[in-house]
Amino acid sequence: MNEMEVLDIARDGMSTMLLVVGPLLLVGLAVGLIISIFQTLTHIQEMTLTFIPKIVAVFGAMIIFMPFMVTELTEFMHRIMDKIVSLG
């Protein structure tokens, strides 16, 4: 295994990681932004107000995006196993 193969595996792993967690992070960002705008407009400066809606939204997004996430991780695992088999 040379350096290019290691870099290719690392690049593939990082892109798969971004594909898997990207939707959850975007949902958390959007909910946090909406709650921050709501807090600014209503002058409610409660620091703990953002946690519960974010947790619920990210959990709901996890349930919705779970088939996509499992598919991406399974395809990544198949690509890694194919590389391992081709080395042996």
PDB file of N, CA and C in Angstrom:
ATOM      1  N   MET A   1       0.859  -1.168   0.000  1.00  0.00           N
ATOM      2  CA  MET A   1       0.000   0.000   0.000  1.00  0.00           C
ATOM      3  C   MET A   1       0.911   1.239   0.000  1.00  0.00           C
ATOM      4  N   ASN A   2       0.727   2.082  -0.980  1.00  0.00           N
ATOM      5  CA  ASN A   2       1.557   3.276  -1.052  1.00  0.00           C
ATOM      6  C   ASN A   2       0.815   4.501  -0.505  1.00  0.00           C
ATOM      7  N   GLU A   3       1.478   5.636  -0.584  1.00  0.00           N
ATOM      8  CA  GLU A   3       0.918   6.847   0.012  1.00  0.00           C
ATOM      9  C   GLU A   3      -0.362   7.296  -0.691  1.00  0.00           C
ATOM     10  N   MET A   4      -0.434   7.099  -1.990  1.00  0.00           N
ATOM     11  CA  MET A   4      -1.610   7.538  -2.740  1.00  0.00           C
ATOM     12  C   MET A   4      -2.853   6.748  -2.341  1.00  0.00           C
ATOM     13  N   GLU A   5      -2.698   5.466  -2.096  1.00  0.00           N
ATOM     14  CA  GLU A   5      -3.831   4.657  -1.661  1.00  0.00           C
ATOM     15  C   GLU A   5      -4.302   5.065  -0.274  1.00  0.00           C
ATOM     16  N   VAL A   6      -3.356   5.378   0.613  1.00  0.00           N
ATOM     17  CA  VAL A   6      -3.723   5.830   1.960  1.00  0.00           C
ATOM     18  C   VAL A   6      -4.460   7.160   1.882  1.00  0.00           C
ATOM     19  N   LEU A   7      -3.951   8.082   1.068  1.00  0.00           N
ATOM     20  CA  LEU A   7      -4.615   9.372   0.896  1.00  0.00           C
ATOM     21  C   LEU A   7      -5.999   9.213   0.266  1.00  0.00           C
ATOM     22  N   ASP A   8      -6.124   8.272  -0.661  1.00  0.00           N
ATOM     23  CA  ASP A   8      -7.420   8.020  -1.294  1.00  0.00           C
ATOM     24  C   ASP A   8      -8.428   7.483  -0.285  1.00  0.00           C
ATOM     25  N   ILE A   9      -7.987   6.579   0.575  1.00  0.00           N
ATOM     26  CA  ILE A   9      -8.877   6.043   1.613  1.00  0.00           C
ATOM     27  C   ILE A   9      -9.266   7.143   2.597  1.00  0.00           C
ATOM     28  N   ALA A  10      -8.300   7.974   2.991  1.00  0.00           N
ATOM     29  CA  ALA A  10      -8.591   9.068   3.923  1.00  0.00           C
ATOM     30  C   ALA A  10      -9.560  10.067   3.301  1.00  0.00           C
ATOM     31  N   ARG A  11      -9.364  10.413   2.035  1.00  0.00           N
ATOM     32  CA  ARG A  11     -10.254  11.343   1.342  1.00  0.00           C
ATOM     33  C   ARG A  11     -11.661  10.757   1.226  1.00  0.00           C
ATOM     34  N   ASP A  12     -11.740   9.480   0.902  1.00  0.00           N
ATOM     35  CA  ASP A  12     -13.041   8.819   0.802  1.00  0.00           C
ATOM     36  C   ASP A  12     -13.740   8.781   2.154  1.00  0.00           C
ATOM     37  N   GLY A  13     -12.976   8.515   3.221  1.00  0.00           N
ATOM     38  CA  GLY A  13     -13.561   8.489   4.564  1.00  0.00           C
ATOM     39  C   GLY A  13     -14.067   9.856   4.991  1.00  0.00           C
ATOM     40  N   MET A  14     -13.310  10.895   4.696  1.00  0.00           N
ATOM     41  CA  MET A  14     -13.741  12.242   5.083  1.00  0.00           C
ATOM     42  C   MET A  14     -14.962  12.700   4.288  1.00  0.00           C
ATOM     43  N   SER A  15     -15.012  12.375   3.006  1.00  0.00           N
ATOM     44  CA  SER A  15     -16.187  12.770   2.218  1.00  0.00           C
ATOM     45  C   SER A  15     -17.421  11.984   2.649  1.00  0.00           C
ATOM     46  N   THR A  16     -17.240  10.718   3.015  1.00  0.00           N
ATOM     47  CA  THR A  16     -18.364   9.933   3.517  1.00  0.00           C
ATOM     48  C   THR A  16     -18.845  10.488   4.848  1.00  0.00           C
ATOM     49  N   MET A  17     -17.904  10.881   5.710  1.00  0.00           N
ATOM     50  CA  MET A  17     -18.273  11.473   7.000  1.00  0.00           C
ATOM     51  C   MET A  17     -19.084  12.745   6.797  1.00  0.00           C
ATOM     52  N   LEU A  18     -18.661  13.599   5.873  1.00  0.00           N
ATOM     53  CA  LEU A  18     -19.403  14.837   5.614  1.00  0.00           C
ATOM     54  C   LEU A  18     -20.789  14.560   5.043  1.00  0.00           C
ATOM     55  N   LEU A  19     -20.892  13.552   4.187  1.00  0.00           N
ATOM     56  CA  LEU A  19     -22.203  13.192   3.634  1.00  0.00           C
ATOM     57  C   LEU A  19     -23.136  12.652   4.710  1.00  0.00           C
ATOM     58  N   VAL A  20     -22.587  11.909   5.656  1.00  0.00           N
ATOM     59  CA  VAL A  20     -23.419  11.284   6.685  1.00  0.00           C
ATOM     60  C   VAL A  20     -23.883  12.304   7.726  1.00  0.00           C
ATOM     61  N   VAL A  21     -22.981  13.145   8.206  1.00  0.00           N
ATOM     62  CA  VAL A  21     -23.357  14.076   9.274  1.00  0.00           C
ATOM     63  C   VAL A  21     -23.835  15.426   8.762  1.00  0.00           C
ATOM     64  N   GLY A  22     -23.657  15.695   7.481  1.00  0.00           N
ATOM     65  CA  GLY A  22     -24.052  16.987   6.923  1.00  0.00           C
ATOM     66  C   GLY A  22     -25.505  17.359   7.142  1.00  0.00           C
ATOM     67  N   PRO A  23     -26.442  16.471   6.825  1.00  0.00           N
ATOM     68  CA  PRO A  23     -27.853  16.830   7.039  1.00  0.00           C
ATOM     69  C   PRO A  23     -28.189  17.129   8.496  1.00  0.00           C
ATOM     70  N   LEU A  24     -27.599  16.381   9.420  1.00  0.00           N
ATOM     71  CA  LEU A  24     -27.875  16.626  10.841  1.00  0.00           C
ATOM     72  C   LEU A  24     -27.311  17.970  11.292  1.00  0.00           C
ATOM     73  N   LEU A  25     -26.111  18.288  10.819  1.00  0.00           N
ATOM     74  CA  LEU A  25     -25.511  19.567  11.180  1.00  0.00           C
ATOM     75  C   LEU A  25     -26.300  20.738  10.598  1.00  0.00           C
ATOM     76  N   LEU A  26     -26.778  20.574   9.365  1.00  0.00           N
ATOM     77  CA  LEU A  26     -27.565  21.644   8.749  1.00  0.00           C
ATOM     78  C   LEU A  26     -28.888  21.859   9.464  1.00  0.00           C
ATOM     79  N   VAL A  27     -29.519  20.783   9.900  1.00  0.00           N
ATOM     80  CA  VAL A  27     -30.762  20.915  10.664  1.00  0.00           C
ATOM     81  C   VAL A  27     -30.495  21.618  11.988  1.00  0.00           C
ATOM     82  N   GLY A  28     -29.442  21.232  12.675  1.00  0.00           N
ATOM     83  CA  GLY A  28     -29.087  21.888  13.928  1.00  0.00           C
ATOM     84  C   GLY A  28     -28.767  23.362  13.727  1.00  0.00           C
ATOM     85  N   LEU A  29     -28.077  23.676  12.641  1.00  0.00           N
ATOM     86  CA  LEU A  29     -27.755  25.067  12.343  1.00  0.00           C
ATOM     87  C   LEU A  29     -29.010  25.877  12.053  1.00  0.00           C
ATOM     88  N   ALA A  30     -29.908  25.309  11.243  1.00  0.00           N
ATOM     89  CA  ALA A  30     -31.142  26.026  10.897  1.00  0.00           C
ATOM     90  C   ALA A  30     -32.022  26.260  12.116  1.00  0.00           C
ATOM     91  N   VAL A  31     -32.178  25.245  12.944  1.00  0.00           N
ATOM     92  CA  VAL A  31     -33.002  25.402  14.149  1.00  0.00           C
ATOM     93  C   VAL A  31     -32.372  26.412  15.096  1.00  0.00           C
ATOM     94  N   GLY A  32     -31.065  26.359  15.260  1.00  0.00           N
ATOM     95  CA  GLY A  32     -30.379  27.319  16.117  1.00  0.00           C
ATOM     96  C   GLY A  32     -30.534  28.743  15.604  1.00  0.00           C
ATOM     97  N   LEU A  33     -30.450  28.918  14.295  1.00  0.00           N
ATOM     98  CA  LEU A  33     -30.624  30.244  13.709  1.00  0.00           C
ATOM     99  C   LEU A  33     -32.040  30.763  13.900  1.00  0.00           C
ATOM    100  N   ILE A  34     -33.030  29.906  13.694  1.00  0.00           N
ATOM    101  CA  ILE A  34     -34.429  30.314  13.873  1.00  0.00           C
ATOM    102  C   ILE A  34     -34.696  30.699  15.326  1.00  0.00           C
ATOM    103  N   ILE A  35     -34.189  29.917  16.250  1.00  0.00           N
ATOM    104  CA  ILE A  35     -34.406  30.222  17.673  1.00  0.00           C
ATOM    105  C   ILE A  35     -33.662  31.497  18.068  1.00  0.00           C
ATOM    106  N   SER A  36     -32.473  31.710  17.515  1.00  0.00           N
ATOM    107  CA  SER A  36     -31.744  32.944  17.810  1.00  0.00           C
ATOM    108  C   SER A  36     -32.487  34.168  17.297  1.00  0.00           C
ATOM    109  N   ILE A  37     -33.067  34.071  16.110  1.00  0.00           N
ATOM    110  CA  ILE A  37     -33.862  35.181  15.582  1.00  0.00           C
ATOM    111  C   ILE A  37     -35.089  35.412  16.457  1.00  0.00           C
ATOM    112  N   PHE A  38     -35.738  34.326  16.877  1.00  0.00           N
ATOM    113  CA  PHE A  38     -36.895  34.448  17.767  1.00  0.00           C
ATOM    114  C   PHE A  38     -36.504  35.111  19.082  1.00  0.00           C
ATOM    115  N   GLN A  39     -35.364  34.716  19.648  1.00  0.00           N
ATOM    116  CA  GLN A  39     -34.915  35.325  20.900  1.00  0.00           C
ATOM    117  C   GLN A  39     -34.593  36.808  20.718  1.00  0.00           C
ATOM    118  N   THR A  40     -34.030  37.150  19.587  1.00  0.00           N
ATOM    119  CA  THR A  40     -33.708  38.549  19.329  1.00  0.00           C
ATOM    120  C   THR A  40     -34.971  39.380  19.175  1.00  0.00           C
ATOM    121  N   LEU A  41     -35.947  38.857  18.475  1.00  0.00           N
ATOM    122  CA  LEU A  41     -37.182  39.611  18.255  1.00  0.00           C
ATOM    123  C   LEU A  41     -38.016  39.764  19.519  1.00  0.00           C
ATOM    124  N   THR A  42     -37.990  38.774  20.392  1.00  0.00           N
ATOM    125  CA  THR A  42     -38.832  38.824  21.596  1.00  0.00           C
ATOM    126  C   THR A  42     -38.065  39.268  22.836  1.00  0.00           C
ATOM    127  N   HIS A  43     -36.771  39.507  22.708  1.00  0.00           N
ATOM    128  CA  HIS A  43     -35.919  39.924  23.828  1.00  0.00           C
ATOM    129  C   HIS A  43     -35.899  38.898  24.963  1.00  0.00           C
ATOM    130  N   ILE A  44     -36.099  37.632  24.622  1.00  0.00           N
ATOM    131  CA  ILE A  44     -35.955  36.555  25.603  1.00  0.00           C
ATOM    132  C   ILE A  44     -34.499  36.092  25.531  1.00  0.00           C
ATOM    133  N   GLN A  45     -33.762  36.286  26.585  1.00  0.00           N
ATOM    134  CA  GLN A  45     -32.342  35.941  26.575  1.00  0.00           C
ATOM    135  C   GLN A  45     -32.081  34.742  27.491  1.00  0.00           C
ATOM    136  N   GLU A  46     -32.815  33.701  27.280  1.00  0.00           N
ATOM    137  CA  GLU A  46     -32.645  32.468  28.053  1.00  0.00           C
ATOM    138  C   GLU A  46     -31.671  31.564  27.292  1.00  0.00           C
ATOM    139  N   MET A  47     -30.550  31.231  27.893  1.00  0.00           N
ATOM    140  CA  MET A  47     -29.511  30.460  27.223  1.00  0.00           C
ATOM    141  C   MET A  47     -29.928  29.009  26.965  1.00  0.00           C
ATOM    142  N   THR A  48     -30.771  28.464  27.824  1.00  0.00           N
ATOM    143  CA  THR A  48     -31.141  27.054  27.674  1.00  0.00           C
ATOM    144  C   THR A  48     -32.298  26.839  26.713  1.00  0.00           C
ATOM    145  N   LEU A  49     -32.869  27.912  26.176  1.00  0.00           N
ATOM    146  CA  LEU A  49     -34.015  27.781  25.269  1.00  0.00           C
ATOM    147  C   LEU A  49     -33.649  27.062  23.975  1.00  0.00           C
ATOM    148  N   THR A  50     -32.416  27.126  23.551  1.00  0.00           N
ATOM    149  CA  THR A  50     -32.035  26.537  22.265  1.00  0.00           C
ATOM    150  C   THR A  50     -31.791  25.033  22.335  1.00  0.00           C
ATOM    151  N   PHE A  51     -31.507  24.504  23.518  1.00  0.00           N
ATOM    152  CA  PHE A  51     -31.077  23.108  23.587  1.00  0.00           C
ATOM    153  C   PHE A  51     -32.176  22.102  23.259  1.00  0.00           C
ATOM    154  N   ILE A  52     -33.336  22.236  23.863  1.00  0.00           N
ATOM    155  CA  ILE A  52     -34.397  21.243  23.661  1.00  0.00           C
ATOM    156  C   ILE A  52     -34.887  21.216  22.216  1.00  0.00           C
ATOM    157  N   PRO A  53     -35.200  22.364  21.579  1.00  0.00           N
ATOM    158  CA  PRO A  53     -35.614  22.287  20.172  1.00  0.00           C
ATOM    159  C   PRO A  53     -34.530  21.732  19.253  1.00  0.00           C
ATOM    160  N   LYS A  54     -33.271  22.051  19.517  1.00  0.00           N
ATOM    161  CA  LYS A  54     -32.190  21.503  18.692  1.00  0.00           C
ATOM    162  C   LYS A  54     -32.092  19.996  18.854  1.00  0.00           C
ATOM    163  N   ILE A  55     -32.181  19.523  20.090  1.00  0.00           N
ATOM    164  CA  ILE A  55     -32.091  18.082  20.333  1.00  0.00           C
ATOM    165  C   ILE A  55     -33.230  17.351  19.643  1.00  0.00           C
ATOM    166  N   VAL A  56     -34.429  17.887  19.755  1.00  0.00           N
ATOM    167  CA  VAL A  56     -35.592  17.249  19.125  1.00  0.00           C
ATOM    168  C   VAL A  56     -35.462  17.284  17.604  1.00  0.00           C
ATOM    169  N   ALA A  57     -35.026  18.422  17.059  1.00  0.00           N
ATOM    170  CA  ALA A  57     -34.898  18.540  15.600  1.00  0.00           C
ATOM    171  C   ALA A  57     -33.819  17.615  15.053  1.00  0.00           C
ATOM    172  N   VAL A  58     -32.684  17.541  15.727  1.00  0.00           N
ATOM    173  CA  VAL A  58     -31.607  16.670  15.255  1.00  0.00           C
ATOM    174  C   VAL A  58     -32.011  15.202  15.394  1.00  0.00           C
ATOM    175  N   PHE A  59     -32.715  14.859  16.461  1.00  0.00           N
ATOM    176  CA  PHE A  59     -33.190  13.484  16.619  1.00  0.00           C
ATOM    177  C   PHE A  59     -34.194  13.129  15.518  1.00  0.00           C
ATOM    178  N   GLY A  60     -35.108  14.054  15.212  1.00  0.00           N
ATOM    179  CA  GLY A  60     -36.058  13.816  14.122  1.00  0.00           C
ATOM    180  C   GLY A  60     -35.362  13.697  12.782  1.00  0.00           C
ATOM    181  N   ALA A  61     -34.366  14.549  12.539  1.00  0.00           N
ATOM    182  CA  ALA A  61     -33.606  14.462  11.292  1.00  0.00           C
ATOM    183  C   ALA A  61     -32.832  13.154  11.219  1.00  0.00           C
ATOM    184  N   MET A  62     -32.346  12.681  12.368  1.00  0.00           N
ATOM    185  CA  MET A  62     -31.632  11.405  12.375  1.00  0.00           C
ATOM    186  C   MET A  62     -32.560  10.266  11.971  1.00  0.00           C
ATOM    187  N   ILE A  63     -33.781  10.301  12.447  1.00  0.00           N
ATOM    188  CA  ILE A  63     -34.739   9.258  12.073  1.00  0.00           C
ATOM    189  C   ILE A  63     -35.070   9.347  10.585  1.00  0.00           C
ATOM    190  N   ILE A  64     -35.237  10.567  10.092  1.00  0.00           N
ATOM    191  CA  ILE A  64     -35.596  10.755   8.679  1.00  0.00           C
ATOM    192  C   ILE A  64     -34.443  10.358   7.758  1.00  0.00           C
ATOM    193  N   PHE A  65     -33.213  10.763   8.099  1.00  0.00           N
ATOM    194  CA  PHE A  65     -32.061  10.524   7.237  1.00  0.00           C
ATOM    195  C   PHE A  65     -31.351   9.207   7.513  1.00  0.00           C
ATOM    196  N   MET A  66     -31.852   8.402   8.435  1.00  0.00           N
ATOM    197  CA  MET A  66     -31.174   7.157   8.797  1.00  0.00           C
ATOM    198  C   MET A  66     -30.984   6.196   7.610  1.00  0.00           C
ATOM    199  N   PRO A  67     -31.982   5.992   6.734  1.00  0.00           N
ATOM    200  CA  PRO A  67     -31.723   5.092   5.597  1.00  0.00           C
ATOM    201  C   PRO A  67     -30.593   5.586   4.693  1.00  0.00           C
ATOM    202  N   PHE A  68     -30.549   6.895   4.445  1.00  0.00           N
ATOM    203  CA  PHE A  68     -29.472   7.471   3.636  1.00  0.00           C
ATOM    204  C   PHE A  68     -28.123   7.279   4.319  1.00  0.00           C
ATOM    205  N   MET A  69     -28.078   7.505   5.620  1.00  0.00           N
ATOM    206  CA  MET A  69     -26.830   7.388   6.356  1.00  0.00           C
ATOM    207  C   MET A  69     -26.316   5.945   6.361  1.00  0.00           C
ATOM    208  N   VAL A  70     -27.218   5.010   6.566  1.00  0.00           N
ATOM    209  CA  VAL A  70     -26.818   3.593   6.582  1.00  0.00           C
ATOM    210  C   VAL A  70     -26.335   3.163   5.201  1.00  0.00           C
ATOM    211  N   THR A  71     -27.005   3.629   4.151  1.00  0.00           N
ATOM    212  CA  THR A  71     -26.595   3.288   2.790  1.00  0.00           C
ATOM    213  C   THR A  71     -25.199   3.818   2.491  1.00  0.00           C
ATOM    214  N   GLU A  72     -24.946   5.069   2.845  1.00  0.00           N
ATOM    215  CA  GLU A  72     -23.623   5.660   2.603  1.00  0.00           C
ATOM    216  C   GLU A  72     -22.533   4.922   3.375  1.00  0.00           C
ATOM    217  N   LEU A  73     -22.793   4.599   4.638  1.00  0.00           N
ATOM    218  CA  LEU A  73     -21.789   3.894   5.435  1.00  0.00           C
ATOM    219  C   LEU A  73     -21.566   2.467   4.934  1.00  0.00           C
ATOM    220  N   THR A  74     -22.620   1.821   4.461  1.00  0.00           N
ATOM    221  CA  THR A  74     -22.482   0.469   3.916  1.00  0.00           C
ATOM    222  C   THR A  74     -21.671   0.488   2.625  1.00  0.00           C
ATOM    223  N   GLU A  75     -21.945   1.473   1.748  1.00  0.00           N
ATOM    224  CA  GLU A  75     -21.167   1.582   0.518  1.00  0.00           C
ATOM    225  C   GLU A  75     -19.698   1.882   0.809  1.00  0.00           C
ATOM    226  N   PHE A  76     -19.452   2.725   1.805  1.00  0.00           N
ATOM    227  CA  PHE A  76     -18.069   3.013   2.196  1.00  0.00           C
ATOM    228  C   PHE A  76     -17.383   1.745   2.693  1.00  0.00           C
ATOM    229  N   MET A  77     -18.078   0.969   3.502  1.00  0.00           N
ATOM    230  CA  MET A  77     -17.495  -0.270   4.018  1.00  0.00           C
ATOM    231  C   MET A  77     -17.191  -1.251   2.890  1.00  0.00           C
ATOM    232  N   HIS A  78     -18.081  -1.316   1.894  1.00  0.00           N
ATOM    233  CA  HIS A  78     -17.832  -2.197   0.751  1.00  0.00           C
ATOM    234  C   HIS A  78     -16.601  -1.732  -0.032  1.00  0.00           C
ATOM    235  N   ARG A  79     -16.452  -0.418  -0.211  1.00  0.00           N
ATOM    236  CA  ARG A  79     -15.273   0.097  -0.919  1.00  0.00           C
ATOM    237  C   ARG A  79     -13.996  -0.230  -0.148  1.00  0.00           C
ATOM    238  N   ILE A  80     -14.031  -0.092   1.173  1.00  0.00           N
ATOM    239  CA  ILE A  80     -12.841  -0.414   1.979  1.00  0.00           C
ATOM    240  C   ILE A  80     -12.533  -1.903   1.920  1.00  0.00           C
ATOM    241  N   MET A  81     -13.568  -2.741   2.007  1.00  0.00           N
ATOM    242  CA  MET A  81     -13.334  -4.189   1.932  1.00  0.00           C
ATOM    243  C   MET A  81     -12.814  -4.589   0.570  1.00  0.00           C
ATOM    244  N   ASP A  82     -13.285  -3.962  -0.491  1.00  0.00           N
ATOM    245  CA  ASP A  82     -12.749  -4.269  -1.819  1.00  0.00           C
ATOM    246  C   ASP A  82     -11.274  -3.904  -1.912  1.00  0.00           C
ATOM    247  N   LYS A  83     -10.880  -2.786  -1.299  1.00  0.00           N
ATOM    248  CA  LYS A  83      -9.467  -2.407  -1.313  1.00  0.00           C
ATOM    249  C   LYS A  83      -8.621  -3.385  -0.498  1.00  0.00           C
ATOM    250  N   ILE A  84      -9.152  -3.849   0.625  1.00  0.00           N
ATOM    251  CA  ILE A  84      -8.423  -4.814   1.459  1.00  0.00           C
ATOM    252  C   ILE A  84      -8.244  -6.128   0.712  1.00  0.00           C
ATOM    253  N   VAL A  85      -9.317  -6.571   0.050  1.00  0.00           N
ATOM    254  CA  VAL A  85      -9.234  -7.839  -0.693  1.00  0.00           C
ATOM    255  C   VAL A  85      -8.267  -7.724  -1.858  1.00  0.00           C
ATOM    256  N   SER A  86      -8.239  -6.564  -2.528  1.00  0.00           N
ATOM    257  CA  SER A  86      -7.350  -6.411  -3.674  1.00  0.00           C
ATOM    258  C   SER A  86      -5.872  -6.349  -3.247  1.00  0.00           C
ATOM    259  N   LEU A  87      -5.607  -5.998  -2.005  1.00  0.00           N
ATOM    260  CA  LEU A  87      -4.226  -5.982  -1.516  1.00  0.00           C
ATOM    261  C   LEU A  87      -3.714  -7.377  -1.197  1.00  0.00           C
ATOM    262  N   GLY A  88      -4.616  -8.262  -0.777  1.00  0.00           N
ATOM    263  CA  GLY A  88      -4.188  -9.578  -0.319  1.00  0.00           C
ATOM    264  C   GLY A  88      -3.967 -10.581  -1.365  1.00  0.00           C
TER     265      GLY A  88
END
